[in-house]
């Protein structure tokens, strides 16, 4: 249930997986240690210019309205539900619409552009097996981030962000316009869903790091959303790249 609830949070606040294409089942390498080099880095802040698919917005709106209406069922009965038709109904979609939504969510649109929005500085320090970060401007959100290079695990505000999968693309058809390889980490926690979305408290964090094959630049993506009693209280979104 938590994963579906957090999916709704992600949909509501546009924290999709447009950048990640799961490579699956691959072991960690030594590359992360070489990507996160100690010292001061000139960092390019990046953004994505994209056109939202109207059909995706239509289906998303239906899902969110149905989830609000059926929040009590989602809380009390969804975990034990076995009839998929009931699941589709409670989330406001037909079976065909559900698979259409999944297909749209997994499709990389060709009109996404990875664009530079500014410059900042980032200092990476190492103490034993832990890397710490100190940034300027928008990069200050990383001041609460640590990275354990022995466990290959990021920690944000004391929360361990678990490895989800290795991600990569062998083609240019992605927002970076370059083949790339990297790693995706995520943290999800639903503290309380109450009797409706307005009672929900939850936190979702994602951390991605990789390297573009076209120019060797390191890409770092960080997103954090915190909802308390149905209201977005904390939001941090950072896309950047550096040598």
C-alpha atoms as a PDB file:
ATOM      1  CA  UNK A   1       0.000   0.000   0.000  1.00  0.00           C
ATOM      2  CA  UNK A   2       2.769   2.420   0.862  1.00  0.00           C
ATOM      3  CA  UNK A   3       4.300   2.135  -2.600  1.00  0.00           C
ATOM      4  CA  UNK A   4       1.008   3.021  -4.284  1.00  0.00           C
ATOM      5  CA  UNK A   5       0.381   5.898  -1.891  1.00  0.00           C
ATOM      6  CA  UNK A   6       3.857   7.243  -2.588  1.00  0.00           C
ATOM      7  CA  UNK A   7       3.252   6.782  -6.303  1.00  0.00           C
ATOM      8  CA  UNK A   8       0.306   9.133  -5.908  1.00  0.00           C
ATOM      9  CA  UNK A   9       2.539  11.642  -4.115  1.00  0.00           C
ATOM     10  CA  UNK A  10       5.033  11.385  -6.933  1.00  0.00           C
ATOM     11  CA  UNK A  11       2.341  11.870  -9.563  1.00  0.00           C
ATOM     12  CA  UNK A  12       0.844  14.797  -7.702  1.00  0.00           C
ATOM     13  CA  UNK A  13       4.150  16.622  -7.398  1.00  0.00           C
ATOM     14  CA  UNK A  14       5.708  15.448 -10.703  1.00  0.00           C
ATOM     15  CA  UNK A  15       8.499  13.308  -9.312  1.00  0.00           C
ATOM     16  CA  UNK A  16       8.442  10.702 -12.061  1.00  0.00           C
ATOM     17  CA  UNK A  17      11.262   8.559 -13.368  1.00  0.00           C
ATOM     18  CA  UNK A  18      11.794  10.259 -16.713  1.00  0.00           C
ATOM     19  CA  UNK A  19      15.557  10.041 -16.386  1.00  0.00           C
ATOM     20  CA  UNK A  20      15.969   6.451 -15.227  1.00  0.00           C
ATOM     21  CA  UNK A  21      15.938   3.395 -17.419  1.00  0.00           C
ATOM     22  CA  UNK A  22      16.435   0.328 -15.292  1.00  0.00           C
ATOM     23  CA  UNK A  23      19.457  -1.760 -16.174  1.00  0.00           C
ATOM     24  CA  UNK A  24      18.529  -4.298 -13.489  1.00  0.00           C
ATOM     25  CA  UNK A  25      20.537  -6.881 -11.595  1.00  0.00           C
ATOM     26  CA  UNK A  26      23.969  -5.338 -11.997  1.00  0.00           C
ATOM     27  CA  UNK A  27      26.489  -5.101  -9.192  1.00  0.00           C
ATOM     28  CA  UNK A  28      28.083  -1.948  -7.853  1.00  0.00           C
ATOM     29  CA  UNK A  29      31.315  -0.860  -9.431  1.00  0.00           C
ATOM     30  CA  UNK A  30      34.060   1.414  -8.236  1.00  0.00           C
ATOM     31  CA  UNK A  31      32.765   4.222 -10.459  1.00  0.00           C
ATOM     32  CA  UNK A  32      30.871   6.169  -7.785  1.00  0.00           C
ATOM     33  CA  UNK A  33      34.092   6.651  -5.820  1.00  0.00           C
ATOM     34  CA  UNK A  34      35.769   8.146  -8.885  1.00  0.00           C
ATOM     35  CA  UNK A  35      32.756  10.337  -9.724  1.00  0.00           C
ATOM     36  CA  UNK A  36      32.578  11.967  -6.281  1.00  0.00           C
ATOM     37  CA  UNK A  37      36.070  13.424  -6.142  1.00  0.00           C
ATOM     38  CA  UNK A  38      37.232  15.400  -3.141  1.00  0.00           C
ATOM     39  CA  UNK A  39      37.740  19.127  -3.604  1.00  0.00           C
ATOM     40  CA  UNK A  40      35.895  22.114  -5.026  1.00  0.00           C
ATOM     41  CA  UNK A  41      33.787  21.678  -8.138  1.00  0.00           C
ATOM     42  CA  UNK A  42      32.199  24.192 -10.466  1.00  0.00           C
ATOM     43  CA  UNK A  43      28.679  22.827 -10.891  1.00  0.00           C
ATOM     44  CA  UNK A  44      26.218  23.549 -13.669  1.00  0.00           C
ATOM     45  CA  UNK A  45      22.614  23.739 -12.464  1.00  0.00           C
ATOM     46  CA  UNK A  46      20.354  22.037 -14.958  1.00  0.00           C
ATOM     47  CA  UNK A  47      16.670  21.856 -15.771  1.00  0.00           C
ATOM     48  CA  UNK A  48      14.439  19.977 -18.153  1.00  0.00           C
ATOM     49  CA  UNK A  49      12.262  21.738 -20.681  1.00  0.00           C
ATOM     50  CA  UNK A  50       9.392  19.466 -21.621  1.00  0.00           C
ATOM     51  CA  UNK A  51       5.835  19.472 -22.883  1.00  0.00           C
ATOM     52  CA  UNK A  52       3.348  17.665 -20.624  1.00  0.00           C
ATOM     53  CA  UNK A  53       1.275  15.003 -22.372  1.00  0.00           C
ATOM     54  CA  UNK A  54      -2.402  16.103 -22.073  1.00  0.00           C
ATOM     55  CA  UNK A  55      -3.598  12.490 -21.885  1.00  0.00           C
ATOM     56  CA  UNK A  56      -1.171  11.778 -19.025  1.00  0.00           C
ATOM     57  CA  UNK A  57      -2.548  14.776 -17.135  1.00  0.00           C
ATOM     58  CA  UNK A  58      -6.125  13.601 -17.757  1.00  0.00           C
ATOM     59  CA  UNK A  59      -5.464  10.097 -16.370  1.00  0.00           C
ATOM     60  CA  UNK A  60      -3.460  11.483 -13.444  1.00  0.00           C
ATOM     61  CA  UNK A  61      -6.342  13.767 -12.496  1.00  0.00           C
ATOM     62  CA  UNK A  62      -8.758  10.816 -12.535  1.00  0.00           C
ATOM     63  CA  UNK A  63      -6.463   8.784 -10.297  1.00  0.00           C
ATOM     64  CA  UNK A  64      -6.013  11.532  -7.734  1.00  0.00           C
ATOM     65  CA  UNK A  65      -9.737  12.284  -7.507  1.00  0.00           C
ATOM     66  CA  UNK A  66     -10.563   8.600  -7.072  1.00  0.00           C
ATOM     67  CA  UNK A  67      -7.830   8.132  -4.457  1.00  0.00           C
ATOM     68  CA  UNK A  68      -9.255  11.032  -2.442  1.00  0.00           C
ATOM     69  CA  UNK A  69     -12.763   9.586  -2.670  1.00  0.00           C
ATOM     70  CA  UNK A  70     -11.689   6.024  -1.804  1.00  0.00           C
ATOM     71  CA  UNK A  71      -8.960   6.789   0.749  1.00  0.00           C
ATOM     72  CA  UNK A  72     -10.648   4.704   3.464  1.00  0.00           C
ATOM     73  CA  UNK A  73     -10.744   1.627   1.197  1.00  0.00           C
ATOM     74  CA  UNK A  74      -7.105   2.167   0.201  1.00  0.00           C
ATOM     75  CA  UNK A  75      -6.145   2.262   3.870  1.00  0.00           C
ATOM     76  CA  UNK A  76      -8.246  -0.644   5.147  1.00  0.00           C
ATOM     77  CA  UNK A  77      -8.822  -3.045   2.253  1.00  0.00           C
ATOM     78  CA  UNK A  78      -6.357  -2.590  -0.579  1.00  0.00           C
ATOM     79  CA  UNK A  79      -3.606  -4.725   0.975  1.00  0.00           C
ATOM     80  CA  UNK A  80      -5.865  -7.795   0.938  1.00  0.00           C
ATOM     81  CA  UNK A  81      -7.734  -7.094  -2.313  1.00  0.00           C
ATOM     82  CA  UNK A  82      -7.472  -9.843  -4.940  1.00  0.00           C
ATOM     83  CA  UNK A  83      -9.907  -8.598  -7.597  1.00  0.00           C
ATOM     84  CA  UNK A  84      -7.973  -6.402 -10.023  1.00  0.00           C
ATOM     85  CA  UNK A  85     -11.186  -4.931 -11.421  1.00  0.00           C
ATOM     86  CA  UNK A  86     -11.979  -3.509  -7.983  1.00  0.00           C
ATOM     87  CA  UNK A  87      -8.475  -2.056  -7.790  1.00  0.00           C
ATOM     88  CA  UNK A  88      -8.922  -0.315 -11.129  1.00  0.00           C
ATOM     89  CA  UNK A  89     -12.316   1.019 -10.048  1.00  0.00           C
ATOM     90  CA  UNK A  90     -11.023   2.400  -6.737  1.00  0.00           C
ATOM     91  CA  UNK A  91      -8.259   4.256  -8.574  1.00  0.00           C
ATOM     92  CA  UNK A  92     -10.696   5.637 -11.130  1.00  0.00           C
ATOM     93  CA  UNK A  93      -9.324   3.876 -14.209  1.00  0.00           C
ATOM     94  CA  UNK A  94     -10.433   1.095 -16.484  1.00  0.00           C
ATOM     95  CA  UNK A  95      -8.002  -1.754 -17.124  1.00  0.00           C
ATOM     96  CA  UNK A  96      -7.169  -0.276 -20.526  1.00  0.00           C
ATOM     97  CA  UNK A  97      -6.614   3.187 -19.019  1.00  0.00           C
ATOM     98  CA  UNK A  98      -4.352   1.738 -16.352  1.00  0.00           C
ATOM     99  CA  UNK A  99      -2.038   0.094 -18.889  1.00  0.00           C
ATOM    100  CA  UNK A 100      -2.198   3.207 -21.042  1.00  0.00           C
ATOM    101  CA  UNK A 101      -1.088   5.246 -18.017  1.00  0.00           C
ATOM    102  CA  UNK A 102       1.807   2.867 -17.329  1.00  0.00           C
ATOM    103  CA  UNK A 103       2.887   3.027 -20.963  1.00  0.00           C
ATOM    104  CA  UNK A 104       2.759   6.830 -20.987  1.00  0.00           C
ATOM    105  CA  UNK A 105       4.690   7.008 -17.711  1.00  0.00           C
ATOM    106  CA  UNK A 106       7.438   4.745 -19.086  1.00  0.00           C
ATOM    107  CA  UNK A 107       7.737   6.477 -22.442  1.00  0.00           C
ATOM    108  CA  UNK A 108      10.664   8.879 -22.846  1.00  0.00           C
ATOM    109  CA  UNK A 109       9.369  11.896 -24.711  1.00  0.00           C
ATOM    110  CA  UNK A 110      11.581  13.234 -27.483  1.00  0.00           C
ATOM    111  CA  UNK A 111      10.829  16.887 -26.714  1.00  0.00           C
ATOM    112  CA  UNK A 112      12.626  16.925 -23.351  1.00  0.00           C
ATOM    113  CA  UNK A 113      15.718  19.100 -23.278  1.00  0.00           C
ATOM    114  CA  UNK A 114      18.469  19.128 -20.636  1.00  0.00           C
ATOM    115  CA  UNK A 115      19.274  22.833 -20.293  1.00  0.00           C
ATOM    116  CA  UNK A 116      21.672  24.848 -18.151  1.00  0.00           C
ATOM    117  CA  UNK A 117      20.084  27.300 -15.703  1.00  0.00           C
ATOM    118  CA  UNK A 118      23.068  28.582 -13.700  1.00  0.00           C
ATOM    119  CA  UNK A 119      26.401  27.917 -11.957  1.00  0.00           C
ATOM    120  CA  UNK A 120      27.250  27.160  -8.332  1.00  0.00           C
ATOM    121  CA  UNK A 121      30.121  25.659  -6.315  1.00  0.00           C
ATOM    122  CA  UNK A 122      30.232  22.354  -4.460  1.00  0.00           C
ATOM    123  CA  UNK A 123      32.932  21.208  -2.038  1.00  0.00           C
ATOM    124  CA  UNK A 124      33.237  17.466  -1.375  1.00  0.00           C
ATOM    125  CA  UNK A 125      35.151  16.382   1.748  1.00  0.00           C
ATOM    126  CA  UNK A 126      36.076  12.912   2.952  1.00  0.00           C
ATOM    127  CA  UNK A 127      36.423  11.699   6.525  1.00  0.00           C
ATOM    128  CA  UNK A 128      37.276   7.994   6.700  1.00  0.00           C
ATOM    129  CA  UNK A 129      34.578   6.282   4.612  1.00  0.00           C
ATOM    130  CA  UNK A 130      32.118   9.186   4.560  1.00  0.00           C
ATOM    131  CA  UNK A 131      31.826  11.971   2.016  1.00  0.00           C
ATOM    132  CA  UNK A 132      30.167  15.248   3.004  1.00  0.00           C
ATOM    133  CA  UNK A 133      28.981  18.079   0.784  1.00  0.00           C
ATOM    134  CA  UNK A 134      28.899  21.851   1.094  1.00  0.00           C
ATOM    135  CA  UNK A 135      27.295  23.878  -1.668  1.00  0.00           C
ATOM    136  CA  UNK A 136      26.360  27.416  -2.578  1.00  0.00           C
ATOM    137  CA  UNK A 137      22.932  28.643  -3.674  1.00  0.00           C
ATOM    138  CA  UNK A 138      20.616  25.808  -4.670  1.00  0.00           C
ATOM    139  CA  UNK A 139      23.343  23.279  -3.881  1.00  0.00           C
ATOM    140  CA  UNK A 140      22.986  24.025  -0.152  1.00  0.00           C
ATOM    141  CA  UNK A 141      20.287  21.337  -0.077  1.00  0.00           C
ATOM    142  CA  UNK A 142      23.189  18.856  -0.305  1.00  0.00           C
ATOM    143  CA  UNK A 143      24.669  20.114   2.990  1.00  0.00           C
ATOM    144  CA  UNK A 144      22.528  17.504   4.783  1.00  0.00           C
ATOM    145  CA  UNK A 145      23.729  14.717   2.479  1.00  0.00           C
ATOM    146  CA  UNK A 146      26.400  12.158   3.360  1.00  0.00           C
ATOM    147  CA  UNK A 147      27.676   9.307   1.210  1.00  0.00           C
ATOM    148  CA  UNK A 148      29.220   6.150   2.674  1.00  0.00           C
ATOM    149  CA  UNK A 149      31.693   4.978   0.033  1.00  0.00           C
ATOM    150  CA  UNK A 150      32.186   1.631   1.782  1.00  0.00           C
ATOM    151  CA  UNK A 151      28.478   0.766   1.669  1.00  0.00           C
ATOM    152  CA  UNK A 152      27.794   2.803  -1.493  1.00  0.00           C
ATOM    153  CA  UNK A 153      24.878   4.423   0.328  1.00  0.00           C
ATOM    154  CA  UNK A 154      23.680   8.041   0.559  1.00  0.00           C
ATOM    155  CA  UNK A 155      22.254   9.295   3.855  1.00  0.00           C
ATOM    156  CA  UNK A 156      20.103  12.428   4.034  1.00  0.00           C
ATOM    157  CA  UNK A 157      19.193  13.989   7.352  1.00  0.00           C
ATOM    158  CA  UNK A 158      19.950  10.680   9.069  1.00  0.00           C
ATOM    159  CA  UNK A 159      17.703   8.714   6.676  1.00  0.00           C
ATOM    160  CA  UNK A 160      19.361   5.888   4.742  1.00  0.00           C
ATOM    161  CA  UNK A 161      18.467   6.134   1.060  1.00  0.00           C
ATOM    162  CA  UNK A 162      18.499   2.560  -0.194  1.00  0.00           C
ATOM    163  CA  UNK A 163      19.903   1.360  -3.505  1.00  0.00           C
ATOM    164  CA  UNK A 164      17.039   0.639  -5.909  1.00  0.00           C
ATOM    165  CA  UNK A 165      18.690  -0.287  -9.190  1.00  0.00           C
ATOM    166  CA  UNK A 166      21.410   0.540 -11.665  1.00  0.00           C
ATOM    167  CA  UNK A 167      20.170   2.783 -14.471  1.00  0.00           C
ATOM    168  CA  UNK A 168      21.523   3.414 -17.932  1.00  0.00           C
ATOM    169  CA  UNK A 169      20.729   4.299 -21.498  1.00  0.00           C
ATOM    170  CA  UNK A 170      22.744   3.210 -24.516  1.00  0.00           C
ATOM    171  CA  UNK A 171      21.079   5.774 -26.759  1.00  0.00           C
ATOM    172  CA  UNK A 172      20.642   9.546 -27.018  1.00  0.00           C
ATOM    173  CA  UNK A 173      16.846   9.373 -26.668  1.00  0.00           C
ATOM    174  CA  UNK A 174      16.694  10.682 -23.099  1.00  0.00           C
ATOM    175  CA  UNK A 175      16.643  14.145 -21.468  1.00  0.00           C
ATOM    176  CA  UNK A 176      20.455  14.165 -21.265  1.00  0.00           C
ATOM    177  CA  UNK A 177      20.753  13.633 -25.037  1.00  0.00           C
ATOM    178  CA  UNK A 178      23.607  11.223 -24.351  1.00  0.00           C
ATOM    179  CA  UNK A 179      24.222   7.573 -23.457  1.00  0.00           C
ATOM    180  CA  UNK A 180      24.800   7.329 -19.719  1.00  0.00           C
ATOM    181  CA  UNK A 181      25.149   4.965 -16.798  1.00  0.00           C
ATOM    182  CA  UNK A 182      24.336   5.481 -13.145  1.00  0.00           C
ATOM    183  CA  UNK A 183      22.580   4.432  -9.938  1.00  0.00           C
ATOM    184  CA  UNK A 184      19.162   5.166  -8.465  1.00  0.00           C
ATOM    185  CA  UNK A 185      18.474   5.278  -4.712  1.00  0.00           C
ATOM    186  CA  UNK A 186      15.170   5.893  -2.954  1.00  0.00           C
ATOM    187  CA  UNK A 187      13.609   6.355   0.476  1.00  0.00           C
ATOM    188  CA  UNK A 188       9.878   6.043   1.117  1.00  0.00           C
ATOM    189  CA  UNK A 189       7.986   6.385   4.366  1.00  0.00           C
ATOM    190  CA  UNK A 190       4.279   6.792   5.018  1.00  0.00           C
ATOM    191  CA  UNK A 191       3.775   7.831   8.619  1.00  0.00           C
ATOM    192  CA  UNK A 192       0.001   8.058   8.539  1.00  0.00           C
ATOM    193  CA  UNK A 193      -2.672   7.924   5.853  1.00  0.00           C
ATOM    194  CA  UNK A 194      -5.564   8.560   8.242  1.00  0.00           C
ATOM    195  CA  UNK A 195      -9.004   8.402   6.672  1.00  0.00           C
ATOM    196  CA  UNK A 196      -8.165  10.461   3.589  1.00  0.00           C
ATOM    197  CA  UNK A 197      -5.444  12.136   1.593  1.00  0.00           C
ATOM    198  CA  UNK A 198      -5.901  15.262   3.717  1.00  0.00           C
ATOM    199  CA  UNK A 199      -4.712  13.234   6.750  1.00  0.00           C
ATOM    200  CA  UNK A 200      -1.672  11.737   5.039  1.00  0.00           C
ATOM    201  CA  UNK A 201       1.897  12.321   6.237  1.00  0.00           C
ATOM    202  CA  UNK A 202       4.745  10.931   4.163  1.00  0.00           C
ATOM    203  CA  UNK A 203       8.308  11.494   2.995  1.00  0.00           C
ATOM    204  CA  UNK A 204       9.876  10.434  -0.297  1.00  0.00           C
ATOM    205  CA  UNK A 205      13.504  11.012  -1.289  1.00  0.00           C
ATOM    206  CA  UNK A 206      15.347  10.007  -4.436  1.00  0.00           C
ATOM    207  CA  UNK A 207      19.032  10.296  -5.298  1.00  0.00           C
ATOM    208  CA  UNK A 208      20.574   9.555  -8.679  1.00  0.00           C
ATOM    209  CA  UNK A 209      24.204   9.746  -9.723  1.00  0.00           C
ATOM    210  CA  UNK A 210      25.733   8.818 -13.051  1.00  0.00           C
ATOM    211  CA  UNK A 211      28.072   9.757 -15.857  1.00  0.00           C
ATOM    212  CA  UNK A 212      27.340  10.983 -19.374  1.00  0.00           C
ATOM    213  CA  UNK A 213      29.273   9.050 -22.005  1.00  0.00           C
ATOM    214  CA  UNK A 214      29.288  11.946 -24.463  1.00  0.00           C
ATOM    215  CA  UNK A 215      31.429  14.311 -22.369  1.00  0.00           C
ATOM    216  CA  UNK A 216      32.292  12.437 -19.156  1.00  0.00           C
ATOM    217  CA  UNK A 217      30.361  14.852 -16.926  1.00  0.00           C
ATOM    218  CA  UNK A 218      28.906  13.591 -13.655  1.00  0.00           C
ATOM    219  CA  UNK A 219      25.142  14.033 -13.282  1.00  0.00           C
ATOM    220  CA  UNK A 220      23.471  14.296  -9.880  1.00  0.00           C
ATOM    221  CA  UNK A 221      19.717  14.389  -9.307  1.00  0.00           C
ATOM    222  CA  UNK A 222      18.148  14.863  -5.868  1.00  0.00           C
ATOM    223  CA  UNK A 223      14.450  15.143  -5.016  1.00  0.00           C
ATOM    224  CA  UNK A 224      12.777  15.302  -1.612  1.00  0.00           C
ATOM    225  CA  UNK A 225       9.090  15.794  -0.822  1.00  0.00           C
ATOM    226  CA  UNK A 226       7.558  15.887   2.642  1.00  0.00           C
ATOM    227  CA  UNK A 227       3.806  15.912   3.194  1.00  0.00           C
ATOM    228  CA  UNK A 228       2.178  16.556   6.570  1.00  0.00           C
ATOM    229  CA  UNK A 229      -1.583  16.183   6.959  1.00  0.00           C
ATOM    230  CA  UNK A 230      -2.042  16.290   3.213  1.00  0.00           C
ATOM    231  CA  UNK A 231      -0.024  19.482   2.694  1.00  0.00           C
ATOM    232  CA  UNK A 232       3.371  19.757   1.027  1.00  0.00           C
ATOM    233  CA  UNK A 233       5.642  21.178   3.736  1.00  0.00           C
ATOM    234  CA  UNK A 234       9.129  20.581   2.319  1.00  0.00           C
ATOM    235  CA  UNK A 235      10.272  20.302  -1.273  1.00  0.00           C
ATOM    236  CA  UNK A 236      13.760  20.118  -2.749  1.00  0.00           C
ATOM    237  CA  UNK A 237      14.561  19.427  -6.383  1.00  0.00           C
ATOM    238  CA  UNK A 238      18.082  19.585  -7.757  1.00  0.00           C
ATOM    239  CA  UNK A 239      19.446  18.630 -11.175  1.00  0.00           C
ATOM    240  CA  UNK A 240      23.110  19.356 -11.847  1.00  0.00           C
ATOM    241  CA  UNK A 241      26.280  18.219 -13.595  1.00  0.00           C
ATOM    242  CA  UNK A 242      30.014  18.731 -13.093  1.00  0.00           C
ATOM    243  CA  UNK A 243      33.423  17.497 -14.265  1.00  0.00           C
END
